[in-house]
Amino acid sequence: MWVIEVARPGKYAVEFDWACDASVAGNPWLLETAGGNLTGEVETTGNWDTFRQKKVGTLPFAAGRQRLVLRPAKKPQGAMIDLKSIRLVPVKL
């Protein structure tokens, strides 16, 4: 769980920077926020040393302090993910 401070309300692209070995890829994840949820499966990056960045969805955020929670959507098979960062990038209309 992270507590974040959003400067401006609006839609934000959600990007992960992660690594995941092929042997444990496919574990489902759930990202929870006050403005909504995103779901997906952890994709392999080939191994634990190779990181990749990818947009995993778009969510609305209100201005101010709020929680961002990433958790397994069900019990993971093996290690879940090596998550370096989650980025929120404002979506320009």
PDB file of N, CA and C in Angstrom:
ATOM      1  N   MET A   1       0.838  -1.175   0.000  1.00  0.00           N
ATOM      2  CA  MET A   1       0.000   0.000   0.000  1.00  0.00           C
ATOM      3  C   MET A   1       0.888   1.245   0.000  1.00  0.00           C
ATOM      4  N   TRP A   2       0.460   2.215  -0.768  1.00  0.00           N
ATOM      5  CA  TRP A   2       1.129   3.511  -0.804  1.00  0.00           C
ATOM      6  C   TRP A   2       0.106   4.587  -0.486  1.00  0.00           C
ATOM      7  N   VAL A   3       0.543   5.634   0.156  1.00  0.00           N
ATOM      8  CA  VAL A   3      -0.269   6.834   0.318  1.00  0.00           C
ATOM      9  C   VAL A   3       0.324   7.851  -0.644  1.00  0.00           C
ATOM     10  N   ILE A   4      -0.524   8.360  -1.537  1.00  0.00           N
ATOM     11  CA  ILE A   4      -0.054   9.289  -2.558  1.00  0.00           C
ATOM     12  C   ILE A   4      -0.761  10.629  -2.420  1.00  0.00           C
ATOM     13  N   GLU A   5      -0.142  11.651  -2.948  1.00  0.00           N
ATOM     14  CA  GLU A   5      -0.716  12.997  -2.981  1.00  0.00           C
ATOM     15  C   GLU A   5      -0.878  13.373  -4.450  1.00  0.00           C
ATOM     16  N   VAL A   6      -2.131  13.504  -4.885  1.00  0.00           N
ATOM     17  CA  VAL A   6      -2.418  13.860  -6.270  1.00  0.00           C
ATOM     18  C   VAL A   6      -2.620  15.366  -6.342  1.00  0.00           C
ATOM     19  N   ALA A   7      -1.809  16.041  -7.162  1.00  0.00           N
ATOM     20  CA  ALA A   7      -1.858  17.506  -7.248  1.00  0.00           C
ATOM     21  C   ALA A   7      -3.098  18.004  -7.981  1.00  0.00           C
ATOM     22  N   ARG A   8      -3.447  17.318  -9.078  1.00  0.00           N
ATOM     23  CA  ARG A   8      -4.584  17.769  -9.885  1.00  0.00           C
ATOM     24  C   ARG A   8      -5.527  16.607 -10.171  1.00  0.00           C
ATOM     25  N   PRO A   9      -6.833  16.837 -10.039  1.00  0.00           N
ATOM     26  CA  PRO A   9      -7.765  15.757 -10.360  1.00  0.00           C
ATOM     27  C   PRO A   9      -7.750  15.482 -11.861  1.00  0.00           C
ATOM     28  N   GLY A  10      -8.093  14.260 -12.217  1.00  0.00           N
ATOM     29  CA  GLY A  10      -8.186  13.906 -13.633  1.00  0.00           C
ATOM     30  C   GLY A  10      -7.905  12.439 -13.863  1.00  0.00           C
ATOM     31  N   LYS A  11      -7.836  12.088 -15.141  1.00  0.00           N
ATOM     32  CA  LYS A  11      -7.519  10.712 -15.510  1.00  0.00           C
ATOM     33  C   LYS A  11      -6.008  10.562 -15.608  1.00  0.00           C
ATOM     34  N   TYR A  12      -5.534   9.411 -15.112  1.00  0.00           N
ATOM     35  CA  TYR A  12      -4.103   9.124 -15.118  1.00  0.00           C
ATOM     36  C   TYR A  12      -3.851   7.736 -15.703  1.00  0.00           C
ATOM     37  N   ALA A  13      -2.870   7.650 -16.585  1.00  0.00           N
ATOM     38  CA  ALA A  13      -2.396   6.353 -17.049  1.00  0.00           C
ATOM     39  C   ALA A  13      -1.585   5.742 -15.910  1.00  0.00           C
ATOM     40  N   VAL A  14      -1.781   4.462 -15.671  1.00  0.00           N
ATOM     41  CA  VAL A  14      -1.061   3.742 -14.630  1.00  0.00           C
ATOM     42  C   VAL A  14      -0.022   2.864 -15.311  1.00  0.00           C
ATOM     43  N   GLU A  15       1.244   3.061 -14.940  1.00  0.00           N
ATOM     44  CA  GLU A  15       2.342   2.314 -15.552  1.00  0.00           C
ATOM     45  C   GLU A  15       3.096   1.541 -14.486  1.00  0.00           C
ATOM     46  N   PHE A  16       3.416   0.281 -14.794  1.00  0.00           N
ATOM     47  CA  PHE A  16       4.233  -0.545 -13.915  1.00  0.00           C
ATOM     48  C   PHE A  16       5.646  -0.617 -14.482  1.00  0.00           C
ATOM     49  N   ASP A  17       6.628  -0.688 -13.605  1.00  0.00           N
ATOM     50  CA  ASP A  17       8.025  -0.997 -13.936  1.00  0.00           C
ATOM     51  C   ASP A  17       8.343  -2.246 -13.119  1.00  0.00           C
ATOM     52  N   TRP A  18       8.457  -3.406 -13.775  1.00  0.00           N
ATOM     53  CA  TRP A  18       8.521  -4.671 -13.048  1.00  0.00           C
ATOM     54  C   TRP A  18       9.416  -5.690 -13.749  1.00  0.00           C
ATOM     55  N   ALA A  19       9.698  -6.738 -12.989  1.00  0.00           N
ATOM     56  CA  ALA A  19      10.369  -7.923 -13.521  1.00  0.00           C
ATOM     57  C   ALA A  19       9.593  -9.140 -13.021  1.00  0.00           C
ATOM     58  N   CYS A  20       9.603 -10.202 -13.838  1.00  0.00           N
ATOM     59  CA  CYS A  20       8.943 -11.448 -13.446  1.00  0.00           C
ATOM     60  C   CYS A  20       9.532 -12.587 -14.256  1.00  0.00           C
ATOM     61  N   ASP A  21       9.975 -13.616 -13.566  1.00  0.00           N
ATOM     62  CA  ASP A  21      10.517 -14.795 -14.229  1.00  0.00           C
ATOM     63  C   ASP A  21       9.386 -15.555 -14.923  1.00  0.00           C
ATOM     64  N   ALA A  22       9.706 -16.182 -16.038  1.00  0.00           N
ATOM     65  CA  ALA A  22       8.709 -16.920 -16.817  1.00  0.00           C
ATOM     66  C   ALA A  22       8.071 -18.049 -16.009  1.00  0.00           C
ATOM     67  N   SER A  23       8.792 -18.606 -15.054  1.00  0.00           N
ATOM     68  CA  SER A  23       8.287 -19.743 -14.286  1.00  0.00           C
ATOM     69  C   SER A  23       7.108 -19.405 -13.377  1.00  0.00           C
ATOM     70  N   VAL A  24       6.897 -18.135 -13.066  1.00  0.00           N
ATOM     71  CA  VAL A  24       5.799 -17.744 -12.176  1.00  0.00           C
ATOM     72  C   VAL A  24       4.863 -16.707 -12.808  1.00  0.00           C
ATOM     73  N   ALA A  25       5.019 -16.430 -14.086  1.00  0.00           N
ATOM     74  CA  ALA A  25       4.169 -15.435 -14.759  1.00  0.00           C
ATOM     75  C   ALA A  25       2.712 -15.891 -14.752  1.00  0.00           C
ATOM     76  N   GLY A  26       1.817 -14.932 -14.841  1.00  0.00           N
ATOM     77  CA  GLY A  26       0.390 -15.226 -14.944  1.00  0.00           C
ATOM     78  C   GLY A  26      -0.401 -15.030 -13.673  1.00  0.00           C
ATOM     79  N   ASN A  27       0.256 -14.692 -12.564  1.00  0.00           N
ATOM     80  CA  ASN A  27      -0.480 -14.442 -11.331  1.00  0.00           C
ATOM     81  C   ASN A  27      -1.362 -13.202 -11.499  1.00  0.00           C
ATOM     82  N   PRO A  28      -2.643 -13.280 -11.116  1.00  0.00           N
ATOM     83  CA  PRO A  28      -3.529 -12.123 -11.255  1.00  0.00           C
ATOM     84  C   PRO A  28      -3.304 -11.095 -10.143  1.00  0.00           C
ATOM     85  N   TRP A  29      -3.388  -9.815 -10.514  1.00  0.00           N
ATOM     86  CA  TRP A  29      -3.218  -8.723  -9.557  1.00  0.00           C
ATOM     87  C   TRP A  29      -4.445  -7.826  -9.566  1.00  0.00           C
ATOM     88  N   LEU A  30      -4.598  -7.063  -8.499  1.00  0.00           N
ATOM     89  CA  LEU A  30      -5.682  -6.101  -8.345  1.00  0.00           C
ATOM     90  C   LEU A  30      -5.089  -4.819  -7.789  1.00  0.00           C
ATOM     91  N   LEU A  31      -5.299  -3.709  -8.492  1.00  0.00           N
ATOM     92  CA  LEU A  31      -4.876  -2.387  -8.026  1.00  0.00           C
ATOM     93  C   LEU A  31      -6.134  -1.638  -7.594  1.00  0.00           C
ATOM     94  N   GLU A  32      -6.188  -1.251  -6.311  1.00  0.00           N
ATOM     95  CA  GLU A  32      -7.370  -0.611  -5.745  1.00  0.00           C
ATOM     96  C   GLU A  32      -7.091   0.850  -5.418  1.00  0.00           C
ATOM     97  N   THR A  33      -8.005   1.724  -5.824  1.00  0.00           N
ATOM     98  CA  THR A  33      -7.944   3.148  -5.507  1.00  0.00           C
ATOM     99  C   THR A  33      -9.356   3.622  -5.177  1.00  0.00           C
ATOM    100  N   ALA A  34      -9.459   4.821  -4.645  1.00  0.00           N
ATOM    101  CA  ALA A  34     -10.784   5.377  -4.351  1.00  0.00           C
ATOM    102  C   ALA A  34     -11.585   5.598  -5.630  1.00  0.00           C
ATOM    103  N   GLY A  35     -10.891   5.859  -6.744  1.00  0.00           N
ATOM    104  CA  GLY A  35     -11.570   6.141  -8.005  1.00  0.00           C
ATOM    105  C   GLY A  35     -11.914   4.919  -8.833  1.00  0.00           C
ATOM    106  N   GLY A  36     -11.459   3.738  -8.421  1.00  0.00           N
ATOM    107  CA  GLY A  36     -11.749   2.526  -9.171  1.00  0.00           C
ATOM    108  C   GLY A  36     -10.624   1.510  -9.042  1.00  0.00           C
ATOM    109  N   ASN A  37     -10.786   0.413  -9.731  1.00  0.00           N
ATOM    110  CA  ASN A  37      -9.822  -0.676  -9.666  1.00  0.00           C
ATOM    111  C   ASN A  37      -9.337  -1.051 -11.067  1.00  0.00           C
ATOM    112  N   LEU A  38      -8.148  -1.632 -11.102  1.00  0.00           N
ATOM    113  CA  LEU A  38      -7.616  -2.247 -12.317  1.00  0.00           C
ATOM    114  C   LEU A  38      -7.241  -3.674 -11.978  1.00  0.00           C
ATOM    115  N   THR A  39      -7.367  -4.561 -12.955  1.00  0.00           N
ATOM    116  CA  THR A  39      -6.937  -5.941 -12.778  1.00  0.00           C
ATOM    117  C   THR A  39      -6.091  -6.358 -13.968  1.00  0.00           C
ATOM    118  N   GLY A  40      -5.297  -7.370 -13.760  1.00  0.00           N
ATOM    119  CA  GLY A  40      -4.483  -7.911 -14.832  1.00  0.00           C
ATOM    120  C   GLY A  40      -3.717  -9.117 -14.351  1.00  0.00           C
ATOM    121  N   GLU A  41      -2.859  -9.631 -15.212  1.00  0.00           N
ATOM    122  CA  GLU A  41      -1.982 -10.736 -14.865  1.00  0.00           C
ATOM    123  C   GLU A  41      -0.549 -10.283 -15.020  1.00  0.00           C
ATOM    124  N   VAL A  42       0.310 -10.744 -14.118  1.00  0.00           N
ATOM    125  CA  VAL A  42       1.722 -10.395 -14.190  1.00  0.00           C
ATOM    126  C   VAL A  42       2.326 -11.090 -15.408  1.00  0.00           C
ATOM    127  N   GLU A  43       2.848 -10.286 -16.323  1.00  0.00           N
ATOM    128  CA  GLU A  43       3.486 -10.827 -17.523  1.00  0.00           C
ATOM    129  C   GLU A  43       4.959 -11.086 -17.246  1.00  0.00           C
ATOM    130  N   THR A  44       5.513 -12.067 -17.929  1.00  0.00           N
ATOM    131  CA  THR A  44       6.931 -12.339 -17.775  1.00  0.00           C
ATOM    132  C   THR A  44       7.763 -11.258 -18.469  1.00  0.00           C
ATOM    133  N   THR A  45       8.907 -10.997 -17.890  1.00  0.00           N
ATOM    134  CA  THR A  45       9.905 -10.147 -18.554  1.00  0.00           C
ATOM    135  C   THR A  45      11.105 -11.004 -18.937  1.00  0.00           C
ATOM    136  N   GLY A  46      10.961 -12.312 -18.778  1.00  0.00           N
ATOM    137  CA  GLY A  46      12.013 -13.256 -19.127  1.00  0.00           C
ATOM    138  C   GLY A  46      12.745 -13.805 -17.926  1.00  0.00           C
ATOM    139  N   ASN A  47      13.051 -12.924 -16.973  1.00  0.00           N
ATOM    140  CA  ASN A  47      13.752 -13.329 -15.751  1.00  0.00           C
ATOM    141  C   ASN A  47      13.605 -12.220 -14.714  1.00  0.00           C
ATOM    142  N   TRP A  48      14.185 -12.448 -13.531  1.00  0.00           N
ATOM    143  CA  TRP A  48      14.059 -11.478 -12.439  1.00  0.00           C
ATOM    144  C   TRP A  48      14.979 -10.266 -12.605  1.00  0.00           C
ATOM    145  N   ASP A  49      15.911 -10.319 -13.539  1.00  0.00           N
ATOM    146  CA  ASP A  49      16.864  -9.217 -13.730  1.00  0.00           C
ATOM    147  C   ASP A  49      16.477  -8.261 -14.844  1.00  0.00           C
ATOM    148  N   THR A  50      15.473  -8.617 -15.636  1.00  0.00           N
ATOM    149  CA  THR A  50      15.056  -7.792 -16.760  1.00  0.00           C
ATOM    150  C   THR A  50      13.769  -7.059 -16.394  1.00  0.00           C
ATOM    151  N   PHE A  51      13.850  -5.739 -16.329  1.00  0.00           N
ATOM    152  CA  PHE A  51      12.688  -4.922 -15.993  1.00  0.00           C
ATOM    153  C   PHE A  51      12.059  -4.350 -17.254  1.00  0.00           C
ATOM    154  N   ARG A  52      10.747  -4.149 -17.201  1.00  0.00           N
ATOM    155  CA  ARG A  52      10.000  -3.608 -18.332  1.00  0.00           C
ATOM    156  C   ARG A  52       8.991  -2.599 -17.806  1.00  0.00           C
ATOM    157  N   GLN A  53       8.670  -1.613 -18.615  1.00  0.00           N
ATOM    158  CA  GLN A  53       7.664  -0.616 -18.268  1.00  0.00           C
ATOM    159  C   GLN A  53       6.485  -0.794 -19.220  1.00  0.00           C
ATOM    160  N   LYS A  54       5.279  -0.673 -18.662  1.00  0.00           N
ATOM    161  CA  LYS A  54       4.084  -0.835 -19.489  1.00  0.00           C
ATOM    162  C   LYS A  54       2.898  -0.136 -18.837  1.00  0.00           C
ATOM    163  N   LYS A  55       2.070   0.474 -19.674  1.00  0.00           N
ATOM    164  CA  LYS A  55       0.804   1.030 -19.209  1.00  0.00           C
ATOM    165  C   LYS A  55      -0.147  -0.139 -18.969  1.00  0.00           C
ATOM    166  N   VAL A  56      -0.735  -0.190 -17.758  1.00  0.00           N
ATOM    167  CA  VAL A  56      -1.636  -1.284 -17.416  1.00  0.00           C
ATOM    168  C   VAL A  56      -3.097  -0.841 -17.351  1.00  0.00           C
ATOM    169  N   GLY A  57      -3.350   0.457 -17.548  1.00  0.00           N
ATOM    170  CA  GLY A  57      -4.714   0.955 -17.548  1.00  0.00           C
ATOM    171  C   GLY A  57      -4.775   2.432 -17.239  1.00  0.00           C
ATOM    172  N   THR A  58      -5.996   2.923 -17.098  1.00  0.00           N
ATOM    173  CA  THR A  58      -6.248   4.333 -16.807  1.00  0.00           C
ATOM    174  C   THR A  58      -7.286   4.415 -15.690  1.00  0.00           C
ATOM    175  N   LEU A  59      -7.044   5.321 -14.744  1.00  0.00           N
ATOM    176  CA  LEU A  59      -7.969   5.508 -13.622  1.00  0.00           C
ATOM    177  C   LEU A  59      -8.171   7.000 -13.348  1.00  0.00           C
ATOM    178  N   PRO A  60      -9.364   7.366 -12.859  1.00  0.00           N
ATOM    179  CA  PRO A  60      -9.569   8.747 -12.409  1.00  0.00           C
ATOM    180  C   PRO A  60      -9.049   8.911 -10.980  1.00  0.00           C
ATOM    181  N   PHE A  61      -8.464  10.053 -10.708  1.00  0.00           N
ATOM    182  CA  PHE A  61      -7.993  10.380  -9.366  1.00  0.00           C
ATOM    183  C   PHE A  61      -8.498  11.757  -8.982  1.00  0.00           C
ATOM    184  N   ALA A  62      -8.975  11.879  -7.752  1.00  0.00           N
ATOM    185  CA  ALA A  62      -9.334  13.183  -7.191  1.00  0.00           C
ATOM    186  C   ALA A  62      -8.051  13.825  -6.670  1.00  0.00           C
ATOM    187  N   ALA A  63      -8.073  15.129  -6.495  1.00  0.00           N
ATOM    188  CA  ALA A  63      -6.920  15.809  -5.899  1.00  0.00           C
ATOM    189  C   ALA A  63      -6.856  15.455  -4.414  1.00  0.00           C
ATOM    190  N   GLY A  64      -5.639  15.409  -3.900  1.00  0.00           N
ATOM    191  CA  GLY A  64      -5.465  15.175  -2.477  1.00  0.00           C
ATOM    192  C   GLY A  64      -4.822  13.844  -2.147  1.00  0.00           C
ATOM    193  N   ARG A  65      -4.808  13.579  -0.867  1.00  0.00           N
ATOM    194  CA  ARG A  65      -4.149  12.387  -0.318  1.00  0.00           C
ATOM    195  C   ARG A  65      -5.074  11.175  -0.433  1.00  0.00           C
ATOM    196  N   GLN A  66      -4.531  10.050  -0.890  1.00  0.00           N
ATOM    197  CA  GLN A  66      -5.314   8.835  -1.040  1.00  0.00           C
ATOM    198  C   GLN A  66      -4.434   7.595  -1.054  1.00  0.00           C
ATOM    199  N   ARG A  67      -5.081   6.441  -0.943  1.00  0.00           N
ATOM    200  CA  ARG A  67      -4.357   5.170  -0.908  1.00  0.00           C
ATOM    201  C   ARG A  67      -4.359   4.499  -2.273  1.00  0.00           C
ATOM    202  N   LEU A  68      -3.272   3.815  -2.529  1.00  0.00           N
ATOM    203  CA  LEU A  68      -3.102   3.013  -3.734  1.00  0.00           C
ATOM    204  C   LEU A  68      -2.642   1.647  -3.238  1.00  0.00           C
ATOM    205  N   VAL A  69      -3.424   0.595  -3.512  1.00  0.00           N
ATOM    206  CA  VAL A  69      -3.123  -0.740  -2.993  1.00  0.00           C
ATOM    207  C   VAL A  69      -2.988  -1.712  -4.162  1.00  0.00           C
ATOM    208  N   LEU A  70      -1.853  -2.407  -4.223  1.00  0.00           N
ATOM    209  CA  LEU A  70      -1.644  -3.475  -5.198  1.00  0.00           C
ATOM    210  C   LEU A  70      -1.541  -4.774  -4.418  1.00  0.00           C
ATOM    211  N   ARG A  71      -2.368  -5.745  -4.810  1.00  0.00           N
ATOM    212  CA  ARG A  71      -2.354  -7.029  -4.109  1.00  0.00           C
ATOM    213  C   ARG A  71      -2.687  -8.151  -5.091  1.00  0.00           C
ATOM    214  N   PRO A  72      -2.388  -9.390  -4.699  1.00  0.00           N
ATOM    215  CA  PRO A  72      -2.783 -10.517  -5.542  1.00  0.00           C
ATOM    216  C   PRO A  72      -4.308 -10.614  -5.601  1.00  0.00           C
ATOM    217  N   ALA A  73      -4.852 -10.919  -6.768  1.00  0.00           N
ATOM    218  CA  ALA A  73      -6.296 -11.108  -6.893  1.00  0.00           C
ATOM    219  C   ALA A  73      -6.708 -12.471  -6.357  1.00  0.00           C
ATOM    220  N   LYS A  74      -5.765 -13.408  -6.301  1.00  0.00           N
ATOM    221  CA  LYS A  74      -5.951 -14.702  -5.644  1.00  0.00           C
ATOM    222  C   LYS A  74      -4.571 -15.175  -5.203  1.00  0.00           C
ATOM    223  N   LYS A  75      -4.514 -16.245  -4.449  1.00  0.00           N
ATOM    224  CA  LYS A  75      -3.234 -16.716  -3.913  1.00  0.00           C
ATOM    225  C   LYS A  75      -2.241 -16.945  -5.061  1.00  0.00           C
ATOM    226  N   PRO A  76      -1.084 -16.276  -5.016  1.00  0.00           N
ATOM    227  CA  PRO A  76      -0.114 -16.422  -6.104  1.00  0.00           C
ATOM    228  C   PRO A  76       0.559 -17.795  -6.093  1.00  0.00           C
ATOM    229  N   GLN A  77       0.914 -18.236  -7.272  1.00  0.00           N
ATOM    230  CA  GLN A  77       1.688 -19.458  -7.450  1.00  0.00           C
ATOM    231  C   GLN A  77       3.150 -19.051  -7.529  1.00  0.00           C
ATOM    232  N   GLY A  78       3.889 -19.203  -6.450  1.00  0.00           N
ATOM    233  CA  GLY A  78       5.280 -18.768  -6.408  1.00  0.00           C
ATOM    234  C   GLY A  78       5.348 -17.274  -6.112  1.00  0.00           C
ATOM    235  N   ALA A  79       6.476 -16.683  -6.436  1.00  0.00           N
ATOM    236  CA  ALA A  79       6.667 -15.243  -6.237  1.00  0.00           C
ATOM    237  C   ALA A  79       5.723 -14.477  -7.163  1.00  0.00           C
ATOM    238  N   MET A  80       5.270 -13.315  -6.728  1.00  0.00           N
ATOM    239  CA  MET A  80       4.269 -12.558  -7.485  1.00  0.00           C
ATOM    240  C   MET A  80       4.895 -11.658  -8.549  1.00  0.00           C
ATOM    241  N   ILE A  81       5.743 -10.726  -8.109  1.00  0.00           N
ATOM    242  CA  ILE A  81       6.265  -9.698  -9.004  1.00  0.00           C
ATOM    243  C   ILE A  81       7.420  -8.981  -8.294  1.00  0.00           C
ATOM    244  N   ASP A  82       8.379  -8.521  -9.060  1.00  0.00           N
ATOM    245  CA  ASP A  82       9.412  -7.622  -8.537  1.00  0.00           C
ATOM    246  C   ASP A  82       9.047  -6.248  -9.088  1.00  0.00           C
ATOM    247  N   LEU A  83       8.314  -5.487  -8.305  1.00  0.00           N
ATOM    248  CA  LEU A  83       7.777  -4.198  -8.744  1.00  0.00           C
ATOM    249  C   LEU A  83       8.713  -3.081  -8.322  1.00  0.00           C
ATOM    250  N   LYS A  84       9.307  -2.436  -9.300  1.00  0.00           N
ATOM    251  CA  LYS A  84      10.222  -1.325  -9.017  1.00  0.00           C
ATOM    252  C   LYS A  84       9.442  -0.035  -8.756  1.00  0.00           C
ATOM    253  N   SER A  85       8.388   0.212  -9.553  1.00  0.00           N
ATOM    254  CA  SER A  85       7.609   1.437  -9.358  1.00  0.00           C
ATOM    255  C   SER A  85       6.255   1.356 -10.048  1.00  0.00           C
ATOM    256  N   ILE A  86       5.353   2.203  -9.576  1.00  0.00           N
ATOM    257  CA  ILE A  86       4.078   2.478 -10.239  1.00  0.00           C
ATOM    258  C   ILE A  86       4.095   3.961 -10.547  1.00  0.00           C
ATOM    259  N   ARG A  87       3.879   4.299 -11.812  1.00  0.00           N
ATOM    260  CA  ARG A  87       3.842   5.719 -12.213  1.00  0.00           C
ATOM    261  C   ARG A  87       2.428   6.103 -12.599  1.00  0.00           C
ATOM    262  N   LEU A  88       2.039   7.316 -12.216  1.00  0.00           N
ATOM    263  CA  LEU A  88       0.761   7.894 -12.642  1.00  0.00           C
ATOM    264  C   LEU A  88       1.092   9.048 -13.573  1.00  0.00           C
ATOM    265  N   VAL A  89       0.621   8.944 -14.808  1.00  0.00           N
ATOM    266  CA  VAL A  89       0.919   9.943 -15.831  1.00  0.00           C
ATOM    267  C   VAL A  89      -0.400  10.599 -16.260  1.00  0.00           C
ATOM    268  N   PRO A  90      -0.519  11.933 -16.081  1.00  0.00           N
ATOM    269  CA  PRO A  90      -1.768  12.601 -16.481  1.00  0.00           C
ATOM    270  C   PRO A  90      -2.093  12.330 -17.951  1.00  0.00           C
ATOM    271  N   VAL A  91      -3.368  12.044 -18.198  1.00  0.00           N
ATOM    272  CA  VAL A  91      -3.841  11.823 -19.571  1.00  0.00           C
ATOM    273  C   VAL A  91      -4.308  13.154 -20.111  1.00  0.00           C
ATOM    274  N   LYS A  92      -3.731  13.570 -21.218  1.00  0.00           N
ATOM    275  CA  LYS A  92      -4.126  14.834 -21.841  1.00  0.00           C
ATOM    276  C   LYS A  92      -5.318  14.584 -22.753  1.00  0.00           C
ATOM    277  N   LEU A  93      -6.328  15.399 -22.596  1.00  0.00           N
ATOM    278  CA  LEU A  93      -7.549  15.245 -23.406  1.00  0.00           C
ATOM    279  C   LEU A  93      -7.457  16.029 -24.678  1.00  0.00           C
TER     280      LEU A  93
END
